[in-house]
Amino acid sequence: MARKYTENTKLSEVLNLPETKKIISKYRLPCLDCPMARFEAGMLTLGQVSKTYGINLAGLLEELNKIS
């Protein structure tokens, strides 16, 4: 069964796969490799991250769901 990413998906779930991490990087989410980001990724959703950093959530979800 294919994985469906939504605004409620935790960032940590997306960062587990190399191909999805590339998409997140394309949207210029800052500090993906810093220790605090790894901690926060388990708590933050794609919707929260998109709102905070002005990321196009619809575009992000579309790209993520194309590869899942």
C-alpha atoms as a PDB file:
ATOM      1  CA  MET A   1       0.000   0.000   0.000  1.00  0.00           C
ATOM      2  CA  ALA A   2       1.366   3.414  -0.973  1.00  0.00           C
ATOM      3  CA  ARG A   3       2.197   5.940   1.711  1.00  0.00           C
ATOM      4  CA  LYS A   4      -0.001   9.062   1.712  1.00  0.00           C
ATOM      5  CA  TYR A   5       1.644  12.208   3.052  1.00  0.00           C
ATOM      6  CA  THR A   6      -0.637  14.875   4.534  1.00  0.00           C
ATOM      7  CA  GLU A   7      -0.279  18.122   6.454  1.00  0.00           C
ATOM      8  CA  ASN A   8      -0.418  15.997   9.632  1.00  0.00           C
ATOM      9  CA  THR A   9       2.524  13.771   8.674  1.00  0.00           C
ATOM     10  CA  LYS A  10       5.451  14.152  11.060  1.00  0.00           C
ATOM     11  CA  LEU A  11       8.577  15.582   9.488  1.00  0.00           C
ATOM     12  CA  SER A  12      10.567  12.636  10.871  1.00  0.00           C
ATOM     13  CA  GLU A  13       8.497  10.241   8.707  1.00  0.00           C
ATOM     14  CA  VAL A  14       9.494  12.151   5.584  1.00  0.00           C
ATOM     15  CA  LEU A  15      13.166  12.376   6.506  1.00  0.00           C
ATOM     16  CA  ASN A  16      13.476   8.581   6.802  1.00  0.00           C
ATOM     17  CA  LEU A  17      13.757   8.078   3.044  1.00  0.00           C
ATOM     18  CA  PRO A  18      16.510   9.551   0.847  1.00  0.00           C
ATOM     19  CA  GLU A  19      14.152  10.413  -2.010  1.00  0.00           C
ATOM     20  CA  THR A  20      11.727  12.289   0.258  1.00  0.00           C
ATOM     21  CA  LYS A  21      14.567  14.064   2.034  1.00  0.00           C
ATOM     22  CA  LYS A  22      15.707  15.400  -1.360  1.00  0.00           C
ATOM     23  CA  ILE A  23      12.251  16.875  -1.929  1.00  0.00           C
ATOM     24  CA  ILE A  24      12.226  18.510   1.524  1.00  0.00           C
ATOM     25  CA  SER A  25      15.669  19.986   0.803  1.00  0.00           C
ATOM     26  CA  LYS A  26      14.406  21.396  -2.487  1.00  0.00           C
ATOM     27  CA  TYR A  27      11.885  23.464  -0.518  1.00  0.00           C
ATOM     28  CA  ARG A  28      14.771  24.936   1.495  1.00  0.00           C
ATOM     29  CA  LEU A  29      13.742  23.831   4.937  1.00  0.00           C
ATOM     30  CA  PRO A  30      16.553  25.227   7.099  1.00  0.00           C
ATOM     31  CA  CYS A  31      18.754  23.282   9.500  1.00  0.00           C
ATOM     32  CA  LEU A  32      17.845  19.770   8.383  1.00  0.00           C
ATOM     33  CA  ASP A  33      21.134  18.418   9.683  1.00  0.00           C
ATOM     34  CA  CYS A  34      21.461  20.217  12.997  1.00  0.00           C
ATOM     35  CA  PRO A  35      20.855  18.205  16.204  1.00  0.00           C
ATOM     36  CA  MET A  36      17.862  20.285  17.298  1.00  0.00           C
ATOM     37  CA  ALA A  37      16.135  19.722  13.951  1.00  0.00           C
ATOM     38  CA  ARG A  38      16.357  15.959  14.416  1.00  0.00           C
ATOM     39  CA  PHE A  39      14.715  16.319  17.812  1.00  0.00           C
ATOM     40  CA  GLU A  40      11.974  18.654  16.561  1.00  0.00           C
ATOM     41  CA  ALA A  41      11.265  16.508  13.477  1.00  0.00           C
ATOM     42  CA  GLY A  42       9.573  13.946  15.712  1.00  0.00           C
ATOM     43  CA  MET A  43       7.104  16.552  16.941  1.00  0.00           C
ATOM     44  CA  LEU A  44       6.506  18.869  13.989  1.00  0.00           C
ATOM     45  CA  THR A  45       4.102  18.125  11.138  1.00  0.00           C
ATOM     46  CA  LEU A  46       4.540  19.073   7.506  1.00  0.00           C
ATOM     47  CA  GLY A  47       1.733  21.592   7.951  1.00  0.00           C
ATOM     48  CA  GLN A  48       3.461  23.277  10.896  1.00  0.00           C
ATOM     49  CA  VAL A  49       6.828  23.389   9.146  1.00  0.00           C
ATOM     50  CA  SER A  50       5.283  24.761   5.959  1.00  0.00           C
ATOM     51  CA  LYS A  51       3.476  27.508   7.824  1.00  0.00           C
ATOM     52  CA  THR A  52       6.520  28.471   9.875  1.00  0.00           C
ATOM     53  CA  TYR A  53       8.917  28.652   6.931  1.00  0.00           C
ATOM     54  CA  GLY A  54       6.517  29.824   4.204  1.00  0.00           C
ATOM     55  CA  ILE A  55       6.751  26.573   2.254  1.00  0.00           C
ATOM     56  CA  ASN A  56       4.157  25.787  -0.410  1.00  0.00           C
ATOM     57  CA  LEU A  57       2.417  22.895   1.368  1.00  0.00           C
ATOM     58  CA  ALA A  58       0.275  21.864  -1.605  1.00  0.00           C
ATOM     59  CA  GLY A  59       3.326  21.643  -3.861  1.00  0.00           C
ATOM     60  CA  LEU A  60       5.340  19.777  -1.253  1.00  0.00           C
ATOM     61  CA  LEU A  61       2.593  17.205  -0.651  1.00  0.00           C
ATOM     62  CA  GLU A  62       2.066  16.735  -4.370  1.00  0.00           C
ATOM     63  CA  GLU A  63       5.745  15.951  -4.925  1.00  0.00           C
ATOM     64  CA  LEU A  64       5.980  13.666  -1.906  1.00  0.00           C
ATOM     65  CA  ASN A  65       2.885  11.718  -2.871  1.00  0.00           C
ATOM     66  CA  LYS A  66       4.116  11.190  -6.440  1.00  0.00           C
ATOM     67  CA  ILE A  67       6.976   9.032  -5.179  1.00  0.00           C
ATOM     68  CA  SER A  68       5.170   7.202  -2.386  1.00  0.00           C
END
